[in-house]
Amino acid sequence: MVSDRMAMVLASLDRTSTPNGTDGGLSTTACAAASTALGVDGLCAAMGTGAGGTVLAFGAQAISAALEDLQFTLGEGPSLEAVATGTPVLVADVAAAAYRWPAFAGPALDLGVNAVFAFPLRIGAIDLGTLTAHRATAGPLRPGQVTDALALADAVTLTVLHRQFPAGTDPGVGPDDHPGSGWAAPATYRAEVHQATGMVSVQLGVGLAEALARLRAFAFGRDLLLADVAADVVARRLRFDEEDR
């Protein structure tokens, strides 16, 4: 059964998701209340599941945004595994899970993240992204908190569909890069990464998947964010055919 605290969050989400709602989405206040109900330090919803990356729909706290950027840059982590498997990935101790994501664990710990709990946002065969919670202290979620998180993930999924795919549109095309009005200000968009991937693909004469892998490797090898490397490629400050000579 969902807790009273989470029930209040879900009621708020339901009201603000309707056409007559005042916010049109999960507000920053509701996000904070949901974090409290789950006993975590931060929450974020990341939309998009393809190789091109994700967009933060809410959860603009610095650590939440950095955690998503880290996984996006490395191409590994609990959120990506939750999308790939379609099941929650509950990491009570990031340090102990280093064998699963060797590149991710160290930088996540450096962010002060010792526990991560990722829940897929999906409806039927449609994957929308993930709801990810993080905590500074290691330890599992209690069973009631897992129930609350699953209920929140379902509610966020429906809200994303409502905001991104109005009646009469096709949800199979994937979410727009820009969340609807009323969501907490997104931390970043991935449009430049898509553009940079195409440019590197042309520069090196390789497919898009390999081009993205080369971008990720470049960023990881120099301790940079993928978004920053992409920006340099798009601005023509960096060419990969010249870099490889």
Protein backbone atom coordinates (compact mmCIF):
# COMPACT_ATOMS: atom_id res chain seq x y z
CA MET A 1 0.00 0.00 0.00
CA VAL A 2 1.24 3.49 -0.86
CA SER A 3 2.16 5.62 2.14
CA ASP A 4 0.12 8.66 3.14
CA ARG A 5 3.04 10.94 2.24
CA MET A 6 3.35 9.48 -1.24
CA ALA A 7 -0.43 9.52 -1.68
CA MET A 8 -0.32 13.29 -1.16
CA VAL A 9 2.46 13.61 -3.75
CA LEU A 10 0.50 11.52 -6.26
CA ALA A 11 -2.63 13.56 -5.66
CA SER A 12 -0.67 16.74 -6.33
CA LEU A 13 0.82 15.22 -9.47
CA ASP A 14 -2.61 14.17 -10.69
CA ARG A 15 -4.06 17.65 -10.18
CA THR A 16 -1.22 19.47 -11.89
CA SER A 17 -1.18 17.02 -14.80
CA THR A 18 -4.72 17.86 -15.87
CA PRO A 19 -5.53 20.56 -18.44
CA ASN A 20 -6.89 22.74 -15.62
CA GLY A 21 -3.86 22.17 -13.37
CA THR A 22 -1.81 25.15 -12.31
CA ASP A 23 1.66 23.71 -12.88
CA GLY A 24 1.17 21.14 -15.63
CA GLY A 25 3.65 18.68 -14.17
CA LEU A 26 5.58 17.52 -11.12
CA SER A 27 6.71 20.69 -9.37
CA THR A 28 10.00 21.13 -7.59
CA THR A 29 8.09 21.15 -4.31
CA ALA A 30 6.40 17.85 -5.16
CA CYS A 31 9.75 16.38 -6.17
CA ALA A 32 11.19 17.35 -2.78
CA ALA A 33 8.17 15.85 -1.01
CA ALA A 34 8.58 12.61 -2.98
CA SER A 35 12.26 12.47 -2.00
CA THR A 36 11.30 12.81 1.65
CA ALA A 37 8.70 10.05 1.35
CA LEU A 38 11.28 7.73 -0.20
CA GLY A 39 14.01 8.61 2.29
CA VAL A 40 16.41 9.76 -0.43
CA ASP A 41 18.37 12.94 -1.07
CA GLY A 42 17.30 13.55 -4.66
CA LEU A 43 15.12 12.38 -7.54
CA CYS A 44 15.13 12.92 -11.24
CA ALA A 45 13.18 11.68 -14.22
CA ALA A 46 15.20 11.20 -17.39
CA MET A 47 13.30 10.91 -20.64
CA GLY A 48 14.56 9.07 -23.69
CA THR A 49 16.07 5.62 -23.98
CA GLY A 50 18.02 5.47 -27.22
CA ALA A 51 21.76 5.57 -27.76
CA GLY A 52 21.55 9.31 -28.40
CA GLY A 53 20.89 9.96 -24.75
CA THR A 54 18.33 11.34 -22.37
CA VAL A 55 16.82 14.61 -21.24
CA LEU A 56 16.15 15.52 -17.62
CA ALA A 57 12.45 16.21 -17.20
CA PHE A 58 12.63 17.10 -13.52
CA GLY A 59 15.13 16.94 -10.73
CA ALA A 60 17.44 19.83 -11.47
CA GLN A 61 19.44 19.51 -8.24
CA ALA A 62 23.16 19.64 -8.98
CA ILE A 63 23.86 16.07 -7.86
CA SER A 64 20.85 14.60 -9.71
CA ALA A 65 21.88 16.33 -12.92
CA ALA A 66 25.53 15.35 -12.49
CA LEU A 67 24.56 11.72 -11.86
CA GLU A 68 22.56 11.55 -15.09
CA ASP A 69 25.31 13.34 -17.03
CA LEU A 70 27.84 10.85 -15.65
CA GLN A 71 25.84 7.84 -16.84
CA PHE A 72 25.16 9.50 -20.18
CA THR A 73 28.87 10.23 -20.69
CA LEU A 74 30.03 6.74 -19.67
CA GLY A 75 27.20 4.77 -21.27
CA GLU A 76 26.79 2.69 -18.11
CA GLY A 77 25.08 2.84 -14.74
CA PRO A 78 21.92 1.83 -12.88
CA SER A 79 19.57 4.07 -14.87
CA LEU A 80 20.74 2.68 -18.20
CA GLU A 81 20.47 -0.87 -16.90
CA ALA A 82 16.92 -0.19 -15.70
CA VAL A 83 15.99 0.93 -19.22
CA ALA A 84 17.72 -2.05 -20.83
CA THR A 85 16.10 -4.63 -18.56
CA GLY A 86 12.76 -2.96 -17.97
CA THR A 87 13.08 -3.72 -14.25
CA PRO A 88 14.11 -1.65 -11.22
CA VAL A 89 17.81 -1.58 -10.41
CA LEU A 90 18.30 -1.08 -6.67
CA VAL A 91 21.88 -0.38 -5.64
CA ALA A 92 22.11 -0.13 -1.87
CA ASP A 93 25.90 0.28 -1.91
CA VAL A 94 27.55 1.81 -4.97
CA ALA A 95 31.04 0.89 -3.78
CA ALA A 96 30.10 -2.78 -3.50
CA ALA A 97 28.60 -2.69 -7.01
CA ALA A 98 31.76 -1.40 -8.69
CA TYR A 99 32.20 -4.72 -10.50
CA ARG A 100 28.94 -4.07 -12.38
CA TRP A 101 29.83 -0.56 -13.54
CA PRO A 102 33.58 -0.10 -13.07
CA ALA A 103 33.72 3.28 -14.80
CA PHE A 104 30.62 4.63 -13.04
CA ALA A 105 31.18 3.68 -9.41
CA GLY A 106 34.22 5.84 -8.61
CA PRO A 107 32.87 9.12 -10.05
CA ALA A 108 29.46 8.47 -8.46
CA LEU A 109 31.12 8.08 -5.07
CA ASP A 110 33.05 11.29 -5.74
CA LEU A 111 29.66 13.02 -6.14
CA GLY A 112 28.72 11.78 -2.68
CA VAL A 113 26.27 9.21 -4.06
CA ASN A 114 26.44 5.95 -2.13
CA ALA A 115 23.08 4.44 -3.09
CA VAL A 116 21.11 4.62 -6.35
CA PHE A 117 17.64 3.31 -7.11
CA ALA A 118 16.48 3.37 -10.74
CA PHE A 119 12.95 2.58 -11.91
CA PRO A 120 11.99 2.32 -15.60
CA LEU A 121 9.31 4.63 -16.95
CA ARG A 122 7.35 2.52 -19.37
CA ILE A 123 3.85 1.68 -20.46
CA GLY A 124 3.33 -1.55 -22.37
CA ALA A 125 6.11 -1.84 -24.93
CA ILE A 126 6.87 1.89 -24.83
CA ASP A 127 10.02 2.89 -22.94
CA LEU A 128 10.10 6.55 -21.90
CA GLY A 129 13.10 6.68 -19.58
CA THR A 130 13.84 6.28 -15.87
CA LEU A 131 13.01 7.63 -12.46
CA THR A 132 16.24 7.65 -10.44
CA ALA A 133 16.66 8.29 -6.72
CA HIS A 134 19.98 8.72 -4.97
CA ARG A 135 21.19 8.93 -1.39
CA ALA A 136 24.41 9.98 0.31
CA THR A 137 24.31 7.04 2.72
CA ALA A 138 24.47 3.39 1.70
CA GLY A 139 21.56 1.10 2.51
CA PRO A 140 18.48 -0.38 0.83
CA LEU A 141 15.04 1.11 0.45
CA ARG A 142 12.47 -0.34 2.81
CA PRO A 143 9.75 -2.46 1.16
CA GLY A 144 7.20 0.32 1.66
CA GLN A 145 9.55 2.82 0.02
CA VAL A 146 9.96 0.53 -2.99
CA THR A 147 6.15 0.38 -3.26
CA ASP A 148 6.01 4.17 -3.10
CA ALA A 149 8.72 4.50 -5.76
CA LEU A 150 6.93 2.11 -8.12
CA ALA A 151 3.70 4.07 -7.69
CA LEU A 152 5.52 7.33 -8.36
CA ALA A 153 7.20 5.87 -11.47
CA ASP A 154 3.80 4.81 -12.83
CA ALA A 155 2.35 8.25 -12.16
CA VAL A 156 5.31 10.04 -13.75
CA THR A 157 5.03 7.77 -16.80
CA LEU A 158 1.41 8.77 -17.30
CA THR A 159 2.27 12.43 -16.75
CA VAL A 160 5.07 12.29 -19.31
CA LEU A 161 2.70 10.72 -21.82
CA HIS A 162 0.09 13.37 -21.09
CA ARG A 163 2.54 16.25 -21.43
CA GLN A 164 4.52 14.95 -24.40
CA PHE A 165 1.89 13.10 -26.41
CA PRO A 166 -1.47 14.90 -26.39
CA ALA A 167 -4.55 13.03 -27.56
CA GLY A 168 -4.28 12.13 -31.23
CA THR A 169 -0.48 11.90 -31.37
CA ASP A 170 1.65 8.78 -31.63
CA PRO A 171 3.64 7.95 -28.45
CA GLY A 172 5.77 5.49 -30.42
CA VAL A 173 7.83 8.30 -31.91
CA GLY A 174 9.59 8.97 -28.60
CA PRO A 175 9.51 12.03 -26.33
CA ASP A 176 10.29 15.53 -27.47
CA ASP A 177 13.65 16.93 -26.43
CA HIS A 178 11.91 19.69 -24.49
CA PRO A 179 9.66 18.85 -21.54
CA GLY A 180 6.30 20.58 -21.37
CA SER A 181 5.75 23.73 -19.38
CA GLY A 182 5.37 23.27 -15.65
CA TRP A 183 8.12 20.70 -15.17
CA ALA A 184 11.08 21.78 -13.11
CA ALA A 185 13.66 23.46 -15.31
CA PRO A 186 15.59 20.70 -17.10
CA ALA A 187 19.29 20.58 -16.41
CA THR A 188 20.37 19.88 -19.96
CA TYR A 189 19.26 18.92 -23.43
CA ARG A 190 20.98 16.44 -25.74
CA ALA A 191 20.39 18.11 -29.10
CA GLU A 192 24.09 19.02 -29.44
CA VAL A 193 25.11 15.42 -28.73
CA HIS A 194 22.87 14.20 -31.55
CA GLN A 195 24.34 16.84 -33.87
CA ALA A 196 27.93 16.14 -32.82
CA THR A 197 27.42 12.39 -33.31
CA GLY A 198 26.38 13.04 -36.90
CA MET A 199 29.36 15.31 -37.49
CA VAL A 200 31.85 12.79 -36.08
CA SER A 201 30.21 10.07 -38.15
CA VAL A 202 30.96 12.08 -41.30
CA GLN A 203 34.46 13.09 -40.17
CA LEU A 204 35.51 9.51 -39.47
CA GLY A 205 33.35 7.71 -42.02
CA VAL A 206 31.78 5.48 -39.35
CA GLY A 207 28.27 4.67 -38.23
CA LEU A 208 26.37 6.70 -35.66
CA ALA A 209 26.81 4.11 -32.90
CA GLU A 210 30.59 4.09 -33.33
CA ALA A 211 30.67 7.88 -33.57
CA LEU A 212 28.86 8.17 -30.24
CA ALA A 213 31.24 5.62 -28.72
CA ARG A 214 34.21 7.70 -29.92
CA LEU A 215 32.68 10.83 -28.37
CA ARG A 216 32.17 9.00 -25.07
CA ALA A 217 35.70 7.60 -25.08
CA PHE A 218 37.16 11.05 -25.78
CA ALA A 219 35.15 12.59 -22.93
CA PHE A 220 35.97 9.81 -20.47
CA GLY A 221 39.67 9.82 -21.31
CA ARG A 222 39.92 13.54 -20.59
CA ASP A 223 37.52 13.64 -17.61
CA LEU A 224 35.06 15.82 -19.53
CA LEU A 225 31.29 15.77 -19.81
CA LEU A 226 30.01 14.35 -23.08
CA ALA A 227 27.81 17.43 -23.49
CA ASP A 228 30.89 19.69 -23.32
CA VAL A 229 32.79 17.64 -25.91
CA ALA A 230 29.74 17.70 -28.17
CA ALA A 231 29.54 21.48 -27.86
CA ASP A 232 33.17 21.76 -29.01
CA VAL A 233 32.47 19.53 -32.01
CA VAL A 234 29.37 21.49 -33.01
CA ALA A 235 31.26 24.80 -32.61
CA ARG A 236 34.05 23.31 -34.77
CA ARG A 237 36.63 23.74 -32.04
CA LEU A 238 37.25 20.00 -32.22
CA ARG A 239 37.46 17.68 -35.23
CA PHE A 240 37.88 13.97 -34.73
CA ASP A 241 39.63 13.34 -38.04
CA GLU A 242 42.29 15.85 -36.95
CA GLU A 243 42.40 14.44 -33.39
CA ASP A 244 43.20 10.97 -34.70
CA ARG A 245 46.11 12.01 -36.92
